Amino acid sequence: MAVYEIDLRNYFTTQAVAEVLKALPPLRTPVMDRVYQDRRGHPMPVIGIDEITELVQNVPVVRRGTEAVVLQGGQRQISYLEPQPVEVSSFVGAKELNDLKLLGQTGIQQWVSDKVDKHRRAIRKTAEALAAQSLKGQITYAMKTTGGLDTYQVDFGSTLSFTPQALWSDANKKIGDILKDLVQMQSLIQENSGFGGTVSVYAGVDAFSVLVNKVVALGNDARVAATVTESAVNVAGFKVELLNSTYRDLLNNQDVKVVDDNSIVMIGTDAPFRFRYLAIDDLDAGLQPLPFYTKTVKKDNPSGYDVISKSKPLPIPVPKAICWAQVV
């Protein structure tokens, strides 16, 4: 059996890790995939508060030869938000490295792929949890410090809320009444944000089940167009999707539903929901805004390598383009 010498650093270069990531299957994260499709790097380690809180609306045209319109916030003193990084590590001891030599090149590459996959899943799940919390207008997440766990907080502002005159579970509630609720929620978004021309609606389990039962009970004599498809209900053009997703609240050590079972959330999809990866605090990463960066650090006591992966994700919601309602 051939025995291979292993320099782990050669398997975790930026280019090598990029090739591994290309070969791995894409990760599915409901909130990021649905709401935060605009995912890009941000060249700085901090981000201006104005970039998070301001909505750019339409402005007057300007008579030729006169001064330009000053956008809202253009004369403010700039202040910054300092997003916190996500960093995970795995120690690979000399004994494990010695054992890896027996696997052959294909086996070693598979081991590397599994290690990268484990790290990227942990970082993506964390990013998804931050994205899920941001839909409530605030991030309150566990932050590791030298003294233990603290709280990482970012306040984006209050989201909107709507209270229907009658719950959807009310026996007298008609599909037409549910449609009216959805129209009113869309109007709230439009009035408060200037967005909402197009919307997406996501429902918890109980809210979705009640809506499905209402539609199924219509039979062929429906006066309002309503249909049920896989994991979605269409009510006169409003597509209500089931979102039965959770994230782990590490501060309280419990699973939290992104959308409560008895609630729905409407999101103005034409609003500029953004997800930014800020510059990583690592010289080997070139201080660049990378979605995922992995490197190795040689250790002497005990002998081995730390495989370290890093990212600095920040979801940037538009709170006034988010409307919550308890409907069951």
Protein backbone atom coordinates (compact mmCIF):
# COMPACT_ATOMS: atom_id res chain seq x y z
CA MET A 1 0.00 0.00 0.00
CA ALA A 2 1.36 3.41 -0.96
CA VAL A 3 1.97 5.83 1.89
CA TYR A 4 1.54 9.55 1.24
CA GLU A 5 3.26 12.44 2.95
CA ILE A 6 0.70 14.98 4.11
CA ASP A 7 1.19 18.72 4.39
CA LEU A 8 -2.32 19.72 5.39
CA ARG A 9 -1.71 23.33 4.37
CA ASN A 10 -1.65 22.27 0.70
CA TYR A 11 -5.21 20.96 0.97
CA PHE A 12 -6.64 24.13 2.51
CA THR A 13 -5.34 26.86 0.23
CA THR A 14 -7.93 29.34 -1.01
CA GLN A 15 -7.91 27.76 -4.46
CA ALA A 16 -8.12 24.18 -3.12
CA VAL A 17 -11.03 25.03 -0.84
CA ALA A 18 -12.80 26.83 -3.69
CA GLU A 19 -12.57 23.65 -5.79
CA VAL A 20 -13.98 21.61 -2.91
CA LEU A 21 -16.88 24.05 -2.48
CA LYS A 22 -17.72 23.81 -6.19
CA ALA A 23 -18.04 20.05 -5.92
CA LEU A 24 -20.23 20.08 -2.80
CA PRO A 25 -24.03 20.19 -3.18
CA PRO A 26 -25.66 23.60 -2.62
CA LEU A 27 -27.00 24.31 0.86
CA ARG A 28 -30.71 25.09 1.23
CA THR A 29 -31.56 27.74 3.80
CA PRO A 30 -35.21 28.89 3.60
CA VAL A 31 -34.89 32.50 4.76
CA MET A 32 -31.70 33.32 2.89
CA ASP A 33 -32.94 31.60 -0.27
CA ARG A 34 -36.33 33.34 -0.21
CA VAL A 35 -35.65 36.77 1.26
CA TYR A 36 -31.92 37.45 0.99
CA GLN A 37 -31.08 36.60 -2.59
CA ASP A 38 -28.91 39.71 -2.95
CA ARG A 39 -25.76 38.37 -1.27
CA ARG A 40 -22.50 40.20 -1.89
CA GLY A 41 -19.26 41.23 -0.24
CA HIS A 42 -18.74 44.55 1.57
CA PRO A 43 -15.12 45.77 1.46
CA MET A 44 -15.01 47.14 5.03
CA PRO A 45 -15.12 45.39 8.43
CA VAL A 46 -17.88 47.79 9.51
CA ILE A 47 -20.93 49.17 7.74
CA GLY A 48 -22.51 52.61 7.95
CA ILE A 49 -25.74 52.82 9.94
CA ASP A 50 -27.21 54.90 7.12
CA GLU A 51 -26.66 52.02 4.70
CA ILE A 52 -28.81 49.84 6.95
CA THR A 53 -31.62 52.17 7.96
CA GLU A 54 -32.26 54.39 4.97
CA LEU A 55 -34.75 53.71 2.22
CA VAL A 56 -34.11 55.47 -1.05
CA GLN A 57 -37.40 56.82 -2.38
CA ASN A 58 -38.28 58.73 -5.51
CA VAL A 59 -37.11 62.36 -5.59
CA PRO A 60 -38.10 65.50 -7.50
CA VAL A 61 -36.52 66.16 -10.85
CA VAL A 62 -34.09 69.09 -10.80
CA ARG A 63 -34.30 72.19 -12.96
CA ARG A 64 -31.26 72.30 -15.20
CA GLY A 65 -28.45 74.35 -13.72
CA THR A 66 -29.64 74.10 -10.09
CA GLU A 67 -28.35 72.05 -7.15
CA ALA A 68 -28.93 68.31 -6.93
CA VAL A 69 -31.35 66.86 -4.41
CA VAL A 70 -29.63 65.90 -1.15
CA LEU A 71 -30.69 62.34 -0.29
CA GLN A 72 -32.02 61.67 3.18
CA GLY A 73 -29.14 61.29 5.59
CA GLY A 74 -26.69 62.96 3.23
CA GLN A 75 -25.79 65.60 5.83
CA ARG A 76 -25.69 63.29 8.86
CA GLN A 77 -22.59 62.38 10.81
CA ILE A 78 -21.70 58.84 9.77
CA SER A 79 -21.81 56.17 12.48
CA TYR A 80 -21.00 52.51 12.05
CA LEU A 81 -22.25 49.08 13.00
CA GLU A 82 -19.57 46.52 13.78
CA PRO A 83 -20.86 43.08 12.74
CA GLN A 84 -19.35 40.14 14.62
CA PRO A 85 -17.70 37.23 12.79
CA VAL A 86 -18.57 33.55 12.72
CA GLU A 87 -15.50 31.39 13.30
CA VAL A 88 -15.27 27.61 13.76
CA SER A 89 -12.27 25.33 14.13
CA SER A 90 -11.34 21.64 14.22
CA PHE A 91 -8.09 20.28 15.60
CA VAL A 92 -6.35 17.60 13.55
CA GLY A 93 -3.66 15.88 15.63
CA ALA A 94 -0.48 14.25 14.43
CA LYS A 95 -1.93 10.80 15.10
CA GLU A 96 -4.91 11.48 12.81
CA LEU A 97 -2.56 12.84 10.13
CA ASN A 98 -0.45 9.70 10.36
CA ASP A 99 -3.57 7.57 9.95
CA LEU A 100 -4.67 9.66 6.95
CA LYS A 101 -1.53 8.64 5.07
CA LEU A 102 -2.99 5.16 4.73
CA LEU A 103 -6.10 6.37 2.90
CA GLY A 104 -4.41 7.27 -0.36
CA GLN A 105 -4.88 10.49 -2.31
CA THR A 106 -8.58 9.89 -3.01
CA GLY A 107 -9.31 9.15 0.63
CA ILE A 108 -7.39 12.19 1.84
CA GLN A 109 -9.28 14.43 -0.58
CA GLN A 110 -12.59 13.00 0.63
CA TRP A 111 -11.55 13.67 4.24
CA VAL A 112 -10.75 17.28 3.32
CA SER A 113 -14.09 17.63 1.54
CA ASP A 114 -15.95 16.32 4.60
CA LYS A 115 -14.10 18.75 6.87
CA VAL A 116 -14.86 21.75 4.64
CA ASP A 117 -18.49 20.66 4.33
CA LYS A 118 -18.88 20.43 8.11
CA HIS A 119 -17.46 23.94 8.57
CA ARG A 120 -19.50 25.53 5.78
CA ARG A 121 -22.71 23.99 7.15
CA ALA A 122 -22.06 25.41 10.62
CA ILE A 123 -21.37 28.87 9.21
CA ARG A 124 -24.35 28.78 6.83
CA LYS A 125 -26.69 27.64 9.62
CA THR A 126 -25.49 30.56 11.73
CA ALA A 127 -26.05 32.98 8.86
CA GLU A 128 -29.53 31.54 8.38
CA ALA A 129 -30.32 32.01 12.09
CA LEU A 130 -29.24 35.66 11.88
CA ALA A 131 -31.38 36.10 8.76
CA ALA A 132 -34.38 34.52 10.49
CA GLN A 133 -34.05 36.80 13.52
CA SER A 134 -33.69 39.86 11.30
CA LEU A 135 -37.25 39.36 10.02
CA LYS A 136 -38.41 40.54 13.46
CA GLY A 137 -36.35 43.72 13.06
CA GLN A 138 -33.67 42.74 15.53
CA ILE A 139 -30.83 40.29 15.97
CA THR A 140 -30.34 38.92 19.49
CA TYR A 141 -27.85 36.11 19.17
CA ALA A 142 -25.31 34.26 21.28
CA MET A 143 -21.76 35.68 21.12
CA LYS A 144 -18.76 33.77 22.46
CA THR A 145 -16.35 35.85 24.54
CA THR A 146 -13.35 35.00 26.67
CA GLY A 147 -15.67 34.92 29.68
CA GLY A 148 -18.39 32.73 28.13
CA LEU A 149 -21.55 33.60 26.20
CA ASP A 150 -22.72 37.18 25.79
CA THR A 151 -25.38 38.72 23.53
CA TYR A 152 -24.80 40.10 20.05
CA GLN A 153 -27.51 42.65 19.27
CA VAL A 154 -28.39 44.63 16.16
CA ASP A 155 -31.56 46.74 16.06
CA PHE A 156 -32.85 47.46 12.56
CA GLY A 157 -36.15 49.04 13.69
CA SER A 158 -39.69 47.87 14.29
CA THR A 159 -41.53 45.74 11.76
CA LEU A 160 -45.23 46.17 10.98
CA SER A 161 -48.07 44.20 12.53
CA PHE A 162 -51.66 43.58 11.51
CA THR A 163 -54.59 42.30 13.58
CA PRO A 164 -57.45 40.73 11.59
CA GLN A 165 -61.00 41.46 12.73
CA ALA A 166 -61.56 37.72 13.04
CA LEU A 167 -59.07 34.87 13.16
CA TRP A 168 -58.79 32.64 10.11
CA SER A 169 -59.85 29.72 12.29
CA ASP A 170 -63.20 31.41 12.97
CA ALA A 171 -65.97 29.29 11.40
CA ASN A 172 -67.53 32.44 9.91
CA LYS A 173 -64.30 33.61 8.30
CA LYS A 174 -64.62 33.39 4.51
CA ILE A 175 -61.93 33.25 1.85
CA GLY A 176 -62.99 36.73 0.82
CA ASP A 177 -62.27 37.94 4.35
CA ILE A 178 -58.83 36.33 4.26
CA LEU A 179 -58.17 38.03 0.93
CA LYS A 180 -59.14 41.34 2.52
CA ASP A 181 -56.64 40.72 5.34
CA LEU A 182 -53.87 40.09 2.81
CA VAL A 183 -54.78 43.23 0.85
CA GLN A 184 -54.72 45.32 4.03
CA MET A 185 -51.32 43.93 5.01
CA GLN A 186 -49.96 44.79 1.57
CA SER A 187 -51.38 48.30 1.93
CA LEU A 188 -49.63 48.71 5.29
CA ILE A 189 -46.31 47.83 3.68
CA GLN A 190 -46.90 50.19 0.78
CA GLU A 191 -47.92 53.08 3.04
CA ASN A 192 -45.01 52.68 5.45
CA SER A 193 -42.15 51.72 3.14
CA GLY A 194 -43.09 52.72 -0.39
CA PHE A 195 -42.57 49.08 -1.38
CA GLY A 196 -44.96 46.15 -1.51
CA GLY A 197 -45.89 46.25 -5.18
CA THR A 198 -44.96 42.57 -5.10
CA VAL A 199 -45.13 40.52 -1.91
CA SER A 200 -44.46 37.04 -0.58
CA VAL A 201 -46.46 35.52 2.25
CA TYR A 202 -45.15 32.80 4.55
CA ALA A 203 -47.31 30.89 7.02
CA GLY A 204 -46.70 28.76 10.08
CA VAL A 205 -48.05 25.22 10.24
CA ASP A 206 -51.40 25.92 11.93
CA ALA A 207 -52.11 29.05 9.90
CA PHE A 208 -51.32 27.19 6.68
CA SER A 209 -53.47 24.19 7.63
CA VAL A 210 -56.47 26.38 8.40
CA LEU A 211 -56.12 28.19 5.08
CA VAL A 212 -55.85 24.91 3.17
CA ASN A 213 -59.01 23.59 4.84
CA LYS A 214 -60.88 26.78 3.99
CA VAL A 215 -59.90 26.49 0.33
CA VAL A 216 -60.65 22.77 0.10
CA ALA A 217 -64.11 23.40 1.59
CA LEU A 218 -64.94 25.86 -1.18
CA GLY A 219 -65.69 23.09 -3.68
CA ASN A 220 -66.46 24.16 -7.23
CA ASP A 221 -68.66 27.09 -6.28
CA ALA A 222 -65.87 29.46 -5.24
CA ARG A 223 -66.47 33.17 -5.79
CA VAL A 224 -62.80 33.94 -5.04
CA ALA A 225 -60.09 32.17 -7.04
CA ALA A 226 -58.20 29.99 -4.56
CA THR A 227 -56.12 26.90 -5.23
CA VAL A 228 -53.90 24.55 -3.22
CA THR A 229 -50.56 23.36 -4.58
CA GLU A 230 -47.60 21.68 -2.94
CA SER A 231 -46.72 23.71 0.18
CA ALA A 232 -48.57 26.77 -1.12
CA VAL A 233 -52.04 28.27 -1.40
CA ASN A 234 -52.95 30.88 -3.99
CA VAL A 235 -55.69 33.29 -2.93
CA ALA A 236 -56.62 35.64 -5.77
CA GLY A 237 -52.97 36.13 -6.69
CA PHE A 238 -51.53 36.07 -3.17
CA LYS A 239 -49.27 33.03 -2.84
CA VAL A 240 -49.14 31.85 0.77
CA GLU A 241 -46.25 29.41 1.33
CA LEU A 242 -45.70 27.08 4.25
CA LEU A 243 -42.51 28.00 6.11
CA ASN A 244 -41.99 25.30 8.72
CA SER A 245 -38.38 26.12 9.54
CA THR A 246 -36.52 26.50 12.83
CA TYR A 247 -33.20 27.75 14.14
CA ARG A 248 -31.43 27.07 17.43
CA ASP A 249 -31.55 29.85 20.04
CA LEU A 250 -28.24 29.25 21.81
CA LEU A 251 -28.99 31.80 24.54
CA ASN A 252 -32.07 29.89 25.69
CA ASN A 253 -31.02 26.48 24.34
CA GLN A 254 -34.24 25.89 22.41
CA ASP A 255 -35.49 25.64 18.85
CA VAL A 256 -37.40 28.66 17.55
CA LYS A 257 -39.83 28.69 14.62
CA VAL A 258 -39.00 31.29 11.97
CA VAL A 259 -42.75 31.82 11.61
CA ASP A 260 -44.88 30.90 14.62
CA ASP A 261 -47.38 28.12 13.96
CA ASN A 262 -50.34 30.49 14.32
CA SER A 263 -48.91 33.40 12.32
CA ILE A 264 -48.08 34.66 8.86
CA VAL A 265 -45.54 37.18 7.63
CA MET A 266 -45.80 39.26 4.46
CA ILE A 267 -42.63 40.63 2.87
CA GLY A 268 -42.39 43.28 0.18
CA THR A 269 -40.13 41.52 -2.31
CA ASP A 270 -39.40 44.71 -4.22
CA ALA A 271 -37.74 46.20 -1.11
CA PRO A 272 -33.92 46.10 -1.02
CA PHE A 273 -33.34 43.19 1.34
CA ARG A 274 -29.57 42.69 1.29
CA PHE A 275 -27.13 40.22 2.76
CA ARG A 276 -23.55 41.37 3.10
CA TYR A 277 -20.34 39.52 3.88
CA LEU A 278 -17.99 42.02 5.51
CA ALA A 279 -14.20 42.01 5.42
CA ILE A 280 -12.72 39.16 7.48
CA ASP A 281 -10.27 40.05 10.26
CA ASP A 282 -7.52 37.78 8.99
CA LEU A 283 -4.27 38.70 7.28
CA ASP A 284 -4.06 35.37 5.47
CA ALA A 285 -7.48 36.11 3.96
CA GLY A 286 -6.14 39.43 2.73
CA LEU A 287 -8.71 41.25 4.92
CA GLN A 288 -11.19 40.54 2.13
CA PRO A 289 -15.01 40.12 2.30
CA LEU A 290 -15.22 36.38 1.69
CA PRO A 291 -18.42 34.40 2.30
CA PHE A 292 -16.32 31.49 3.54
CA TYR A 293 -12.61 31.31 4.28
CA THR A 294 -10.62 28.34 5.59
CA LYS A 295 -7.00 28.05 6.63
CA THR A 296 -4.72 25.84 8.75
CA VAL A 297 -2.54 26.87 11.69
CA LYS A 298 0.27 24.57 12.85
CA LYS A 299 0.26 23.73 16.57
CA ASP A 300 3.14 22.22 18.59
CA ASN A 301 1.55 21.20 21.89
CA PRO A 302 -0.22 19.00 21.10
CA SER A 303 1.27 18.52 17.66
CA GLY A 304 -1.15 19.03 14.79
CA TYR A 305 -3.13 21.64 12.89
CA ASP A 306 -6.12 23.81 13.66
CA VAL A 307 -8.42 23.99 10.64
CA ILE A 308 -10.19 27.35 11.01
CA SER A 309 -13.08 28.70 8.94
CA LYS A 310 -14.41 32.25 9.07
CA SER A 311 -17.15 34.51 7.74
CA LYS A 312 -18.71 37.82 8.73
CA PRO A 313 -22.36 37.72 7.60
CA LEU A 314 -24.91 40.49 8.06
CA PRO A 315 -28.53 40.37 6.89
CA ILE A 316 -29.95 43.84 6.22
CA PRO A 317 -33.77 43.78 6.29
CA VAL A 318 -36.24 46.52 5.46
CA PRO A 319 -38.39 46.44 8.62
CA LYS A 320 -41.26 48.50 7.22
CA ALA A 321 -41.52 46.05 4.33
CA ILE A 322 -42.24 43.21 6.78
CA CYS A 323 -45.71 42.73 8.23
CA TRP A 324 -46.59 40.08 10.83
CA ALA A 325 -50.05 38.86 11.77
CA GLN A 326 -51.37 36.25 14.15
CA VAL A 327 -54.24 34.65 12.24
CA VAL A 328 -55.08 31.50 14.23
